[in-house]
N, C-alpha and C. Protein backbone atom coordinates (compact mmCIF):
# COMPACT_ATOMS: atom_id res chain seq x y z
N UNK A 1 -16.39 3.34 2.88
CA UNK A 1 -15.23 2.49 2.17
C UNK A 1 -14.85 1.14 2.69
N UNK A 2 -14.77 0.20 1.76
CA UNK A 2 -14.35 -1.02 2.36
C UNK A 2 -12.82 -1.14 1.86
N UNK A 3 -12.04 -1.97 2.56
CA UNK A 3 -10.46 -2.29 2.32
C UNK A 3 -10.30 -3.50 1.80
N UNK A 4 -9.74 -3.84 0.54
CA UNK A 4 -9.38 -4.83 0.16
C UNK A 4 -7.82 -5.17 -0.22
N UNK A 5 -7.69 -6.46 0.30
CA UNK A 5 -6.09 -6.74 0.12
C UNK A 5 -5.97 -7.59 -1.11
N UNK A 6 -5.11 -7.33 -2.05
CA UNK A 6 -4.91 -8.15 -3.31
C UNK A 6 -4.57 -9.60 -2.89
N UNK A 7 -5.40 -10.50 -3.87
CA UNK A 7 -5.01 -12.01 -3.57
C UNK A 7 -4.94 -12.41 -5.14
N UNK A 8 -3.94 -13.29 -5.07
CA UNK A 8 -3.64 -13.93 -6.55
C UNK A 8 -4.70 -14.75 -6.92
N UNK A 9 -4.56 -15.50 -8.18
CA UNK A 9 -5.49 -16.35 -8.80
C UNK A 9 -5.99 -17.55 -7.76
N UNK A 10 -4.92 -17.89 -6.85
CA UNK A 10 -5.24 -19.16 -5.92
C UNK A 10 -5.84 -18.71 -4.52
N UNK A 11 -6.02 -17.45 -4.60
CA UNK A 11 -6.70 -16.85 -3.45
C UNK A 11 -5.74 -16.59 -2.28
N UNK A 12 -4.47 -16.45 -2.42
CA UNK A 12 -3.41 -16.22 -1.55
C UNK A 12 -2.85 -14.70 -1.77
N UNK A 13 -2.67 -14.00 -0.37
CA UNK A 13 -2.34 -12.84 -0.28
C UNK A 13 -0.88 -12.52 -0.20
N UNK A 14 -0.25 -12.12 -1.27
CA UNK A 14 1.16 -11.81 -1.26
C UNK A 14 1.73 -10.74 -0.38
N UNK A 15 0.79 -10.12 0.38
CA UNK A 15 1.11 -9.11 1.16
C UNK A 15 1.15 -9.46 2.32
N UNK A 16 0.87 -10.67 2.76
CA UNK A 16 1.12 -11.34 3.95
C UNK A 16 2.42 -11.54 4.53
N UNK A 17 3.25 -11.83 3.45
CA UNK A 17 4.64 -12.02 3.81
C UNK A 17 5.49 -10.69 4.13
N UNK A 18 4.85 -9.57 3.55
CA UNK A 18 5.31 -8.08 3.79
C UNK A 18 4.94 -7.69 5.18
N UNK A 19 3.53 -8.04 5.64
CA UNK A 19 3.01 -7.68 7.02
C UNK A 19 3.87 -8.61 8.30
N UNK A 20 3.89 -9.90 7.76
CA UNK A 20 4.72 -10.59 8.72
C UNK A 20 6.16 -10.37 8.89
N UNK A 21 6.78 -9.67 8.03
CA UNK A 21 8.10 -9.18 7.96
C UNK A 21 8.53 -7.79 8.54
N UNK A 22 7.39 -7.24 9.13
CA UNK A 22 7.63 -5.92 9.68
C UNK A 22 7.23 -5.90 11.22
N UNK A 23 7.80 -4.80 11.79
CA UNK A 23 7.39 -4.84 13.15
C UNK A 23 6.04 -4.49 13.55
N UNK A 24 5.57 -4.98 14.85
CA UNK A 24 4.38 -4.61 15.00
C UNK A 24 3.67 -3.19 15.21
N UNK A 25 4.58 -2.23 15.38
CA UNK A 25 4.44 -1.01 15.72
C UNK A 25 4.05 -0.24 14.07
N UNK A 26 4.79 -0.82 13.28
CA UNK A 26 4.53 -0.28 11.99
C UNK A 26 3.37 -1.03 11.23
N UNK A 27 3.18 -2.15 11.50
CA UNK A 27 2.19 -2.82 11.17
C UNK A 27 0.69 -2.07 11.59
N UNK A 28 0.78 -1.85 12.99
CA UNK A 28 -0.36 -1.04 13.55
C UNK A 28 -0.67 0.45 12.84
N UNK A 29 0.59 1.09 12.60
CA UNK A 29 0.65 2.47 12.21
C UNK A 29 0.05 2.37 10.42
N UNK A 30 0.34 1.19 9.79
CA UNK A 30 -0.11 1.18 8.56
C UNK A 30 -1.60 0.90 8.50
N UNK A 31 -2.30 -0.21 9.33
CA UNK A 31 -3.21 -0.51 9.48
C UNK A 31 -4.23 0.67 9.80
N UNK A 32 -3.73 1.55 10.88
CA UNK A 32 -4.37 2.70 10.91
C UNK A 32 -4.73 3.62 10.29
N UNK A 33 -3.72 3.80 9.15
CA UNK A 33 -3.79 4.86 8.34
C UNK A 33 -4.72 4.11 6.91
N UNK A 34 -4.94 2.80 6.86
CA UNK A 34 -6.06 2.28 6.10
C UNK A 34 -7.31 2.52 6.55
N UNK A 35 -7.39 2.32 7.90
CA UNK A 35 -8.71 2.54 8.27
C UNK A 35 -9.25 4.06 8.31
N UNK A 36 -8.15 4.97 8.46
CA UNK A 36 -8.60 6.41 8.29
C UNK A 36 -9.20 6.67 6.91
N UNK A 37 -8.15 5.92 5.90
CA UNK A 37 -8.55 6.33 4.63
C UNK A 37 -10.12 5.78 4.31
N UNK A 38 -10.21 4.51 5.04
CA UNK A 38 -11.68 4.04 4.65
C UNK A 38 -12.74 4.99 5.40
N UNK A 39 -12.59 5.18 6.42
CA UNK A 39 -13.54 5.90 7.34
C UNK A 39 -13.96 7.23 6.91
N UNK A 40 -12.84 7.97 6.24
CA UNK A 40 -12.81 9.28 5.66
C UNK A 40 -13.10 9.64 4.22
N UNK A 41 -13.65 8.32 3.50
CA UNK A 41 -13.79 8.28 2.24
C UNK A 41 -12.81 8.64 1.37
N UNK A 42 -11.58 8.32 1.63
CA UNK A 42 -10.20 8.63 0.90
C UNK A 42 -9.53 9.62 1.28
N UNK A 43 -10.23 10.31 2.37
CA UNK A 43 -9.44 11.83 2.64
C UNK A 43 -7.93 11.41 3.07
N UNK A 44 -6.90 12.32 3.01
CA UNK A 44 -5.57 11.68 3.19
C UNK A 44 -4.87 12.72 4.34
N UNK A 45 -5.58 13.60 4.74
CA UNK A 45 -5.01 14.59 5.48
C UNK A 45 -4.29 13.68 6.94
N UNK A 46 -3.38 14.17 7.24
CA UNK A 46 -2.86 13.66 8.51
C UNK A 46 -2.04 12.33 8.23
N UNK A 47 -1.90 11.81 7.13
CA UNK A 47 -1.28 10.60 6.64
C UNK A 47 0.05 10.83 6.09
N UNK A 48 0.76 10.10 6.11
CA UNK A 48 2.26 10.13 5.17
C UNK A 48 1.65 9.10 4.07
N UNK A 49 1.24 10.11 3.11
CA UNK A 49 0.55 9.44 1.89
C UNK A 49 0.80 10.33 0.91
N UNK A 50 1.19 9.81 -0.59
CA UNK A 50 1.18 10.79 -1.67
C UNK A 50 0.72 9.88 -3.02
N UNK A 51 0.51 10.58 -3.99
CA UNK A 51 0.00 9.97 -5.25
C UNK A 51 1.36 9.83 -5.85
N UNK A 52 1.41 8.49 -6.65
CA UNK A 52 2.70 8.18 -7.50
C UNK A 52 2.65 8.80 -8.77
N UNK A 53 3.90 9.27 -9.23
CA UNK A 53 3.98 9.86 -10.35
C UNK A 53 3.87 8.61 -11.65
N UNK A 54 3.27 9.09 -12.72
CA UNK A 54 3.33 7.94 -13.77
C UNK A 54 2.38 6.72 -13.60
N UNK A 55 1.72 6.66 -12.41
CA UNK A 55 0.86 5.63 -12.00
C UNK A 55 -0.39 6.02 -11.64
N UNK A 56 -1.70 5.49 -11.82
CA UNK A 56 -2.89 6.00 -11.10
C UNK A 56 -2.83 5.48 -9.65
N UNK A 57 -1.93 5.21 -8.96
CA UNK A 57 -1.86 4.63 -7.74
C UNK A 57 -1.20 5.70 -6.40
N UNK A 58 -1.63 5.06 -5.42
CA UNK A 58 -1.27 5.98 -4.21
C UNK A 58 -0.22 5.21 -3.35
N UNK A 59 0.52 5.64 -2.34
CA UNK A 59 1.24 4.99 -1.39
C UNK A 59 1.19 5.44 0.02
N UNK A 60 1.11 4.64 0.89
CA UNK A 60 1.41 5.15 2.57
C UNK A 60 2.95 5.01 2.84
N UNK A 61 3.50 5.88 3.39
CA UNK A 61 4.91 5.76 3.71
C UNK A 61 5.09 5.78 5.23
N UNK A 62 5.71 4.93 5.87
CA UNK A 62 6.11 4.83 7.13
C UNK A 62 7.43 4.35 7.44
N UNK A 63 8.04 5.20 8.18
CA UNK A 63 9.63 5.09 8.50
C UNK A 63 9.93 4.63 9.88
N UNK A 64 10.87 3.86 9.74
CA UNK A 64 11.40 3.10 11.03
C UNK A 64 12.71 3.05 11.03
N UNK A 65 13.36 3.97 11.83
CA UNK A 65 14.94 3.83 11.72
C UNK A 65 15.29 4.23 10.50
N UNK A 66 16.28 3.34 9.95
CA UNK A 66 16.60 3.74 8.34
C UNK A 66 15.83 3.03 7.41
N UNK A 67 14.80 2.43 7.80
CA UNK A 67 13.91 1.49 6.88
C UNK A 67 12.74 2.43 6.41
N UNK A 68 12.22 2.56 5.36
CA UNK A 68 11.20 3.11 4.82
C UNK A 68 10.37 2.05 4.18
N UNK A 69 9.22 1.90 4.84
CA UNK A 69 8.15 0.98 4.45
C UNK A 69 7.06 1.52 3.70
N UNK A 70 6.86 0.81 2.58
CA UNK A 70 5.88 1.54 1.46
C UNK A 70 4.78 0.30 1.23
N UNK A 71 3.57 0.98 1.23
CA UNK A 71 2.28 0.22 0.92
C UNK A 71 1.77 0.88 -0.24
N UNK A 72 1.71 0.39 -1.54
CA UNK A 72 0.95 0.66 -2.66
C UNK A 72 -0.52 0.40 -2.70
N UNK A 73 -1.46 1.44 -2.99
CA UNK A 73 -2.77 0.95 -3.09
C UNK A 73 -3.58 1.97 -3.93
N UNK A 74 -4.85 1.59 -4.07
CA UNK A 74 -5.43 2.54 -5.03
C UNK A 74 -6.87 2.86 -4.06
N UNK A 75 -6.94 4.24 -3.85
CA UNK A 75 -8.12 4.55 -3.13
C UNK A 75 -9.22 5.15 -3.85
N UNK A 76 -10.44 5.11 -3.44
CA UNK A 76 -11.73 5.42 -4.09
C UNK A 76 -11.76 4.97 -5.29
N UNK A 77 -11.48 3.61 -5.47
CA UNK A 77 -11.86 2.55 -6.74
C UNK A 77 -12.98 1.81 -6.10
N UNK A 78 -14.39 2.31 -6.94
CA UNK A 78 -15.62 1.98 -6.58
C UNK A 78 -15.87 1.98 -5.08
N UNK A 79 -15.62 3.11 -4.44
CA UNK A 79 -15.70 3.38 -3.04
C UNK A 79 -15.05 2.31 -2.22
N UNK A 80 -13.78 1.96 -2.56
CA UNK A 80 -13.09 1.14 -1.81
C UNK A 80 -11.67 1.67 -1.86
N UNK A 81 -10.73 0.97 -0.85
CA UNK A 81 -9.44 0.80 -0.77
C UNK A 81 -8.74 -0.27 -1.27
N UNK A 82 -7.96 -0.31 -2.33
CA UNK A 82 -7.24 -1.54 -2.73
C UNK A 82 -5.95 -1.46 -2.34
N UNK A 83 -5.69 -2.38 -1.48
CA UNK A 83 -4.11 -2.76 -0.92
C UNK A 83 -3.33 -3.52 -1.95
N UNK A 84 -2.39 -3.31 -2.76
CA UNK A 84 -1.91 -3.96 -3.69
C UNK A 84 -0.53 -4.49 -3.55
N UNK A 85 0.49 -4.03 -2.86
CA UNK A 85 1.83 -4.21 -2.67
C UNK A 85 2.27 -3.64 -1.33
N UNK A 86 3.32 -4.01 -0.85
CA UNK A 86 4.11 -3.72 0.35
C UNK A 86 5.73 -3.93 0.16
N UNK A 87 6.45 -3.13 0.49
CA UNK A 87 8.06 -3.53 0.44
C UNK A 87 8.50 -2.52 1.35
N UNK A 88 9.93 -2.78 1.52
CA UNK A 88 10.65 -1.98 2.41
C UNK A 88 11.90 -1.60 1.61
N UNK A 89 12.38 -0.51 1.92
CA UNK A 89 13.81 -0.04 1.36
C UNK A 89 14.57 0.83 2.25
N UNK A 90 15.71 0.89 1.79
CA UNK A 90 16.57 1.96 2.84
C UNK A 90 16.31 3.35 2.71
N UNK A 91 16.60 4.01 3.52
CA UNK A 91 16.55 5.53 3.50
C UNK A 91 17.41 6.11 2.47
N UNK A 92 17.07 6.99 1.52
CA UNK A 92 17.90 7.59 0.46
C UNK A 92 17.96 6.63 -0.86
N UNK A 93 17.26 5.57 -0.59
CA UNK A 93 17.47 4.52 -1.85
C UNK A 93 16.21 4.92 -2.74
N UNK A 94 16.05 5.07 -3.88
CA UNK A 94 15.12 5.46 -4.76
C UNK A 94 14.33 4.07 -4.89
N UNK A 95 12.95 4.34 -4.93
CA UNK A 95 12.11 3.30 -5.16
C UNK A 95 12.18 2.50 -6.31
N UNK A 96 12.58 1.07 -6.19
CA UNK A 96 12.84 0.51 -7.33
C UNK A 96 11.60 0.42 -8.25
N UNK A 97 11.89 0.35 -9.29
CA UNK A 97 11.04 0.48 -10.55
C UNK A 97 10.15 -0.88 -10.57
N UNK A 98 10.84 -1.98 -10.15
CA UNK A 98 10.21 -3.18 -10.04
C UNK A 98 9.01 -3.40 -8.96
N UNK A 99 9.36 -2.87 -7.86
CA UNK A 99 8.15 -2.71 -6.90
C UNK A 99 7.01 -2.01 -7.38
N UNK A 100 7.16 -0.79 -8.03
CA UNK A 100 5.99 -0.21 -8.87
C UNK A 100 5.08 -0.96 -9.88
N UNK A 101 6.10 -1.54 -10.64
CA UNK A 101 5.53 -2.49 -11.55
C UNK A 101 4.75 -3.62 -10.96
N UNK A 102 5.13 -4.25 -10.04
CA UNK A 102 4.49 -5.23 -9.36
C UNK A 102 2.79 -4.88 -8.84
N UNK A 103 3.21 -3.72 -8.31
CA UNK A 103 1.94 -3.02 -7.84
C UNK A 103 0.84 -2.65 -9.05
N UNK A 104 1.43 -2.08 -9.94
CA UNK A 104 0.59 -1.77 -11.17
C UNK A 104 0.19 -3.07 -11.99
N UNK A 105 0.89 -4.08 -11.79
CA UNK A 105 0.34 -5.31 -12.59
C UNK A 105 -1.00 -6.00 -11.77
N UNK A 106 -0.54 -5.69 -10.48
CA UNK A 106 -1.78 -6.21 -9.68
C UNK A 106 -3.14 -5.46 -9.78
N UNK A 107 -2.84 -4.07 -9.96
CA UNK A 107 -3.86 -3.16 -10.08
C UNK A 107 -4.77 -3.55 -11.42
N UNK A 108 -4.09 -3.74 -12.43
CA UNK A 108 -4.58 -4.14 -13.55
C UNK A 108 -5.30 -5.35 -13.35
N UNK A 109 -4.80 -6.29 -12.98
CA UNK A 109 -5.46 -7.83 -12.74
C UNK A 109 -6.61 -7.51 -12.05
N UNK A 110 -6.74 -6.71 -10.81
CA UNK A 110 -7.81 -6.47 -9.91
C UNK A 110 -9.00 -5.80 -10.81
N UNK A 111 -8.54 -4.81 -11.47
CA UNK A 111 -9.84 -4.05 -12.26
C UNK A 111 -10.69 -5.10 -13.29
N UNK A 112 -9.90 -6.05 -13.61
CA UNK A 112 -10.53 -6.76 -14.99
C UNK A 112 -11.86 -7.55 -14.38
């Protein structure tokens, strides 16, 4: 499986800001999880990974102190992993609907 990072119409990857704003340790762990998904045909065992309710998407979850980093993606889309959105929230905070909507909108744009 290949890994694709969402790019806007201008060819820019909005995920760059997310990845540049997190620690190298978290960055490495997320990339390791993405590689695992790609190399194992989307199998998720051993990964802090879950399907999102009400959306045809999944997320990788990485905890760092009181910060919870989330990467929303689509696995097994035409034998690919599509990385759509990343954000950080505080522990105990509910995932903001806005973040889910951003990822879903990007997913719909990607599949067109």
